[in-house]
Amino acid sequence: MAGEKNGGHLHLALLGTPVVKVDGRDLTKRIPRKKSLVLLAYLAMEHSRPHLRKDLAFLLWPDLPEDRADHSLRQSLYSLRKVLDLGSPDAPSPLLVERLSVRLNPDVFFTT
C-alpha cells in the first residue's frame, strides 16, 4: 500500500478543484504557483522515470527563452521541496533534483 516505505503518502486529486495531501495534511494552498502544481502532477503521473530538466522547462514554459524557462523551473522545484518537506532533517527529499533531471523520490512517494 502507498506510504509504507520511508516517507509520506502523496495524494493528488486533479479533477475539479486540485488537492495535494501528504500523510493526510492538505498542502494545496501552500503551493504558490499553478505551474508548480502542474509540475507535481506531471512528475507523479510519470513517476517511473527521471525527466530531463530542459524538457520540463520547455513543456511548462514553451513561450519563454530557455534561460528564463530554466529559472522558472528552478523556482517551482524550490517551492515544491519546501511544501513537500516531511519535517525531519533525516527524511529523504521528496524530489530527486539532479543537474540534468528531476523525478519524485520512489523511496518517499510511490503509487500502487
N, C-alpha and C. Protein backbone atom coordinates (compact mmCIF):
# COMPACT_ATOMS: atom_id res chain seq x y z
N MET A 1 0.84 -1.18 0.00
CA MET A 1 0.00 0.00 0.00
C MET A 1 0.88 1.24 0.00
N ALA A 2 0.42 2.29 -0.60
CA ALA A 2 1.19 3.52 -0.68
C ALA A 2 1.46 4.06 0.71
N GLY A 3 2.69 4.63 0.87
CA GLY A 3 3.04 5.25 2.13
C GLY A 3 3.70 4.33 3.13
N GLU A 4 3.96 3.07 2.77
CA GLU A 4 4.55 2.15 3.72
C GLU A 4 6.06 2.08 3.61
N LYS A 5 6.67 2.88 2.75
CA LYS A 5 8.13 2.91 2.67
C LYS A 5 8.65 3.89 3.71
N ASN A 6 9.67 4.67 3.34
CA ASN A 6 10.33 5.56 4.29
C ASN A 6 9.65 6.90 4.47
N GLY A 7 8.64 7.20 3.72
CA GLY A 7 8.13 8.55 3.77
C GLY A 7 6.65 8.63 3.66
N GLY A 8 6.20 9.73 3.11
CA GLY A 8 4.80 10.06 3.11
C GLY A 8 4.00 9.45 1.99
N HIS A 9 2.74 9.58 2.17
CA HIS A 9 1.78 9.15 1.17
C HIS A 9 1.30 10.40 0.46
N LEU A 10 1.59 10.49 -0.81
CA LEU A 10 1.19 11.64 -1.61
C LEU A 10 -0.16 11.34 -2.23
N HIS A 11 -1.11 12.24 -2.01
CA HIS A 11 -2.44 12.11 -2.60
C HIS A 11 -2.68 13.34 -3.46
N LEU A 12 -2.93 13.09 -4.76
CA LEU A 12 -3.26 14.17 -5.68
C LEU A 12 -4.64 13.93 -6.25
N ALA A 13 -5.51 14.91 -6.14
CA ALA A 13 -6.81 14.88 -6.80
C ALA A 13 -6.78 16.01 -7.82
N LEU A 14 -6.91 15.66 -9.09
CA LEU A 14 -6.72 16.66 -10.13
C LEU A 14 -7.98 16.99 -10.91
N LEU A 15 -9.05 16.26 -10.69
CA LEU A 15 -10.32 16.59 -11.35
C LEU A 15 -11.10 17.52 -10.45
N GLY A 16 -11.65 18.57 -11.01
CA GLY A 16 -12.32 19.57 -10.19
C GLY A 16 -11.26 20.45 -9.55
N THR A 17 -11.48 20.82 -8.31
CA THR A 17 -10.51 21.63 -7.59
C THR A 17 -9.33 20.75 -7.18
N PRO A 18 -8.10 21.12 -7.57
CA PRO A 18 -6.95 20.29 -7.21
C PRO A 18 -6.74 20.20 -5.70
N VAL A 19 -6.30 19.04 -5.25
CA VAL A 19 -6.00 18.81 -3.84
C VAL A 19 -4.66 18.06 -3.77
N VAL A 20 -3.77 18.55 -2.91
CA VAL A 20 -2.48 17.90 -2.66
C VAL A 20 -2.41 17.62 -1.17
N LYS A 21 -2.28 16.34 -0.82
CA LYS A 21 -2.14 15.96 0.58
C LYS A 21 -0.93 15.06 0.74
N VAL A 22 -0.23 15.27 1.86
CA VAL A 22 0.87 14.38 2.25
C VAL A 22 0.53 13.89 3.65
N ASP A 23 0.43 12.58 3.77
CA ASP A 23 0.06 11.96 5.05
C ASP A 23 -1.19 12.60 5.65
N GLY A 24 -2.16 12.89 4.80
CA GLY A 24 -3.43 13.45 5.25
C GLY A 24 -3.43 14.96 5.45
N ARG A 25 -2.28 15.60 5.41
CA ARG A 25 -2.21 17.07 5.58
C ARG A 25 -2.47 17.73 4.23
N ASP A 26 -3.45 18.60 4.18
CA ASP A 26 -3.77 19.32 2.94
C ASP A 26 -2.75 20.43 2.74
N LEU A 27 -1.98 20.30 1.68
CA LEU A 27 -0.92 21.27 1.37
C LEU A 27 -1.24 22.10 0.14
N THR A 28 -2.43 21.96 -0.38
CA THR A 28 -2.80 22.58 -1.64
C THR A 28 -2.55 24.09 -1.63
N LYS A 29 -2.98 24.77 -0.61
CA LYS A 29 -2.87 26.23 -0.57
C LYS A 29 -1.44 26.70 -0.35
N ARG A 30 -0.55 25.78 0.04
CA ARG A 30 0.85 26.15 0.24
C ARG A 30 1.63 26.14 -1.07
N ILE A 31 1.05 25.59 -2.13
CA ILE A 31 1.74 25.59 -3.42
C ILE A 31 1.45 26.93 -4.09
N PRO A 32 2.48 27.77 -4.24
CA PRO A 32 2.24 29.16 -4.63
C PRO A 32 1.91 29.40 -6.10
N ARG A 33 2.28 28.48 -6.99
CA ARG A 33 2.08 28.72 -8.41
C ARG A 33 1.34 27.57 -9.06
N LYS A 34 0.49 27.89 -10.01
CA LYS A 34 -0.22 26.83 -10.74
C LYS A 34 0.75 25.92 -11.47
N LYS A 35 1.80 26.50 -12.03
CA LYS A 35 2.77 25.67 -12.77
C LYS A 35 3.47 24.70 -11.83
N SER A 36 3.65 25.06 -10.57
CA SER A 36 4.25 24.13 -9.61
C SER A 36 3.33 22.93 -9.39
N LEU A 37 2.05 23.20 -9.31
CA LEU A 37 1.08 22.11 -9.17
C LEU A 37 1.07 21.23 -10.42
N VAL A 38 1.14 21.85 -11.58
CA VAL A 38 1.19 21.09 -12.84
C VAL A 38 2.47 20.25 -12.88
N LEU A 39 3.57 20.80 -12.45
CA LEU A 39 4.83 20.06 -12.42
C LEU A 39 4.72 18.85 -11.49
N LEU A 40 4.17 19.04 -10.31
CA LEU A 40 3.99 17.94 -9.37
C LEU A 40 3.08 16.86 -9.95
N ALA A 41 2.00 17.27 -10.57
CA ALA A 41 1.07 16.30 -11.17
C ALA A 41 1.77 15.52 -12.28
N TYR A 42 2.54 16.20 -13.10
CA TYR A 42 3.25 15.52 -14.19
C TYR A 42 4.27 14.53 -13.64
N LEU A 43 5.04 14.95 -12.65
CA LEU A 43 6.03 14.04 -12.06
C LEU A 43 5.38 12.83 -11.40
N ALA A 44 4.21 13.04 -10.80
CA ALA A 44 3.50 11.92 -10.17
C ALA A 44 2.95 10.96 -11.21
N MET A 45 2.39 11.51 -12.27
CA MET A 45 1.82 10.64 -13.30
C MET A 45 2.90 9.91 -14.09
N GLU A 46 4.06 10.51 -14.21
CA GLU A 46 5.18 9.92 -14.95
C GLU A 46 6.30 9.57 -13.97
N HIS A 47 5.95 8.93 -12.86
CA HIS A 47 6.89 8.70 -11.77
C HIS A 47 7.90 7.57 -12.02
N SER A 48 7.73 6.80 -13.05
CA SER A 48 8.58 5.63 -13.25
C SER A 48 9.97 5.96 -13.82
N ARG A 49 10.20 7.21 -14.17
CA ARG A 49 11.49 7.55 -14.76
C ARG A 49 11.85 9.00 -14.46
N PRO A 50 13.14 9.32 -14.51
CA PRO A 50 13.54 10.72 -14.37
C PRO A 50 13.20 11.50 -15.64
N HIS A 51 13.05 12.81 -15.48
CA HIS A 51 12.71 13.69 -16.60
C HIS A 51 13.80 14.75 -16.74
N LEU A 52 14.22 14.97 -17.97
CA LEU A 52 15.24 15.98 -18.21
C LEU A 52 14.69 17.36 -17.85
N ARG A 53 15.52 18.12 -17.15
CA ARG A 53 15.11 19.47 -16.74
C ARG A 53 14.75 20.33 -17.94
N LYS A 54 15.55 20.23 -19.01
CA LYS A 54 15.28 21.06 -20.19
C LYS A 54 13.94 20.70 -20.81
N ASP A 55 13.55 19.42 -20.76
CA ASP A 55 12.25 19.01 -21.30
C ASP A 55 11.11 19.54 -20.44
N LEU A 56 11.28 19.48 -19.11
CA LEU A 56 10.25 20.00 -18.21
C LEU A 56 10.08 21.51 -18.39
N ALA A 57 11.20 22.21 -18.52
CA ALA A 57 11.14 23.66 -18.71
C ALA A 57 10.41 24.00 -20.00
N PHE A 58 10.72 23.29 -21.08
CA PHE A 58 10.06 23.54 -22.35
C PHE A 58 8.58 23.17 -22.29
N LEU A 59 8.27 22.07 -21.62
CA LEU A 59 6.88 21.62 -21.50
C LEU A 59 6.01 22.65 -20.77
N LEU A 60 6.54 23.21 -19.70
CA LEU A 60 5.75 24.12 -18.86
C LEU A 60 5.85 25.59 -19.29
N TRP A 61 6.95 25.97 -19.89
CA TRP A 61 7.15 27.37 -20.29
C TRP A 61 7.64 27.45 -21.74
N PRO A 62 6.85 26.95 -22.68
CA PRO A 62 7.31 26.90 -24.08
C PRO A 62 7.50 28.28 -24.71
N ASP A 63 6.84 29.30 -24.16
CA ASP A 63 6.91 30.63 -24.75
C ASP A 63 8.06 31.47 -24.20
N LEU A 64 8.80 30.94 -23.22
CA LEU A 64 9.91 31.70 -22.64
C LEU A 64 11.23 31.28 -23.26
N PRO A 65 12.21 32.20 -23.28
CA PRO A 65 13.55 31.80 -23.68
C PRO A 65 14.07 30.71 -22.73
N GLU A 66 14.99 29.91 -23.20
CA GLU A 66 15.47 28.76 -22.44
C GLU A 66 15.97 29.13 -21.04
N ASP A 67 16.73 30.22 -20.92
CA ASP A 67 17.27 30.59 -19.61
C ASP A 67 16.17 31.00 -18.64
N ARG A 68 15.15 31.69 -19.12
CA ARG A 68 14.04 32.08 -18.24
C ARG A 68 13.16 30.89 -17.88
N ALA A 69 12.96 29.97 -18.83
CA ALA A 69 12.19 28.76 -18.54
C ALA A 69 12.92 27.92 -17.49
N ASP A 70 14.23 27.82 -17.61
CA ASP A 70 15.02 27.08 -16.63
C ASP A 70 14.93 27.74 -15.25
N HIS A 71 14.96 29.06 -15.22
CA HIS A 71 14.82 29.79 -13.95
C HIS A 71 13.45 29.53 -13.33
N SER A 72 12.41 29.55 -14.13
CA SER A 72 11.06 29.27 -13.63
C SER A 72 10.96 27.84 -13.09
N LEU A 73 11.59 26.91 -13.77
CA LEU A 73 11.60 25.53 -13.29
C LEU A 73 12.32 25.45 -11.94
N ARG A 74 13.45 26.09 -11.81
CA ARG A 74 14.18 26.09 -10.52
C ARG A 74 13.31 26.66 -9.40
N GLN A 75 12.61 27.74 -9.68
CA GLN A 75 11.73 28.34 -8.68
C GLN A 75 10.62 27.38 -8.27
N SER A 76 10.01 26.72 -9.24
CA SER A 76 8.94 25.76 -8.94
C SER A 76 9.46 24.58 -8.14
N LEU A 77 10.63 24.08 -8.50
CA LEU A 77 11.20 22.96 -7.76
C LEU A 77 11.53 23.36 -6.33
N TYR A 78 12.05 24.56 -6.15
CA TYR A 78 12.36 25.05 -4.81
C TYR A 78 11.09 25.14 -3.96
N SER A 79 10.04 25.72 -4.52
CA SER A 79 8.80 25.87 -3.75
C SER A 79 8.17 24.50 -3.45
N LEU A 80 8.24 23.57 -4.40
CA LEU A 80 7.69 22.24 -4.14
C LEU A 80 8.47 21.52 -3.05
N ARG A 81 9.79 21.64 -3.05
CA ARG A 81 10.58 20.99 -2.00
C ARG A 81 10.22 21.55 -0.64
N LYS A 82 9.99 22.86 -0.55
CA LYS A 82 9.60 23.45 0.74
C LYS A 82 8.23 22.93 1.18
N VAL A 83 7.29 22.86 0.27
CA VAL A 83 5.93 22.43 0.61
C VAL A 83 5.89 20.95 0.99
N LEU A 84 6.63 20.12 0.26
CA LEU A 84 6.58 18.68 0.46
C LEU A 84 7.54 18.17 1.53
N ASP A 85 8.28 19.07 2.16
CA ASP A 85 9.22 18.69 3.21
C ASP A 85 8.51 17.84 4.25
N LEU A 86 9.09 16.71 4.58
CA LEU A 86 8.46 15.79 5.53
C LEU A 86 8.72 16.15 6.98
N GLY A 87 9.44 17.23 7.24
CA GLY A 87 9.57 17.73 8.60
C GLY A 87 10.76 17.22 9.38
N SER A 88 11.42 16.21 8.95
CA SER A 88 12.56 15.66 9.66
C SER A 88 13.83 15.92 8.86
N PRO A 89 14.90 16.39 9.52
CA PRO A 89 16.14 16.62 8.77
C PRO A 89 16.73 15.33 8.21
N ASP A 90 16.38 14.19 8.81
CA ASP A 90 16.88 12.90 8.33
C ASP A 90 16.01 12.30 7.24
N ALA A 91 14.85 12.88 7.01
CA ALA A 91 13.92 12.34 5.99
C ALA A 91 14.50 12.56 4.61
N PRO A 92 14.34 11.59 3.73
CA PRO A 92 14.82 11.77 2.36
C PRO A 92 14.00 12.84 1.65
N SER A 93 14.64 13.47 0.69
CA SER A 93 13.96 14.52 -0.08
C SER A 93 12.85 13.90 -0.93
N PRO A 94 11.69 14.54 -0.99
CA PRO A 94 10.60 14.03 -1.81
C PRO A 94 10.87 14.16 -3.31
N LEU A 95 11.73 15.09 -3.68
CA LEU A 95 12.09 15.27 -5.08
C LEU A 95 13.57 14.96 -5.27
N LEU A 96 13.87 14.20 -6.28
CA LEU A 96 15.26 13.96 -6.63
C LEU A 96 15.61 14.91 -7.77
N VAL A 97 16.28 15.99 -7.40
CA VAL A 97 16.64 17.02 -8.37
C VAL A 97 18.13 16.91 -8.61
N GLU A 98 18.47 16.54 -9.80
CA GLU A 98 19.87 16.42 -10.18
C GLU A 98 20.20 17.49 -11.21
N ARG A 99 21.45 17.54 -11.59
CA ARG A 99 21.89 18.57 -12.52
C ARG A 99 21.08 18.57 -13.82
N LEU A 100 20.78 17.38 -14.34
CA LEU A 100 20.09 17.30 -15.62
C LEU A 100 18.67 16.75 -15.54
N SER A 101 18.28 16.17 -14.40
CA SER A 101 16.98 15.51 -14.35
C SER A 101 16.27 15.73 -13.01
N VAL A 102 14.97 15.41 -13.04
CA VAL A 102 14.09 15.55 -11.88
C VAL A 102 13.14 14.36 -11.87
N ARG A 103 12.82 13.88 -10.67
CA ARG A 103 11.79 12.85 -10.51
C ARG A 103 11.32 12.84 -9.07
N LEU A 104 10.16 12.25 -8.85
CA LEU A 104 9.72 12.01 -7.47
C LEU A 104 10.58 10.90 -6.90
N ASN A 105 10.92 11.01 -5.64
CA ASN A 105 11.74 10.00 -4.98
C ASN A 105 10.88 8.77 -4.71
N PRO A 106 11.18 7.63 -5.34
CA PRO A 106 10.35 6.43 -5.12
C PRO A 106 10.45 5.89 -3.70
N ASP A 107 11.47 6.29 -2.94
CA ASP A 107 11.59 5.86 -1.54
C ASP A 107 10.71 6.70 -0.62
N VAL A 108 10.19 7.80 -1.12
CA VAL A 108 9.35 8.67 -0.30
C VAL A 108 7.90 8.58 -0.77
N PHE A 109 7.68 8.82 -2.05
CA PHE A 109 6.35 8.77 -2.60
C PHE A 109 6.29 7.71 -3.68
N PHE A 110 5.29 6.93 -3.68
CA PHE A 110 5.14 5.94 -4.71
C PHE A 110 3.67 5.62 -4.85
N THR A 111 3.33 4.98 -5.95
CA THR A 111 1.95 4.62 -6.19
C THR A 111 1.86 3.11 -6.33
N THR A 112 0.65 2.58 -6.17
CA THR A 112 0.44 1.16 -6.33
C THR A 112 -0.42 0.90 -7.53
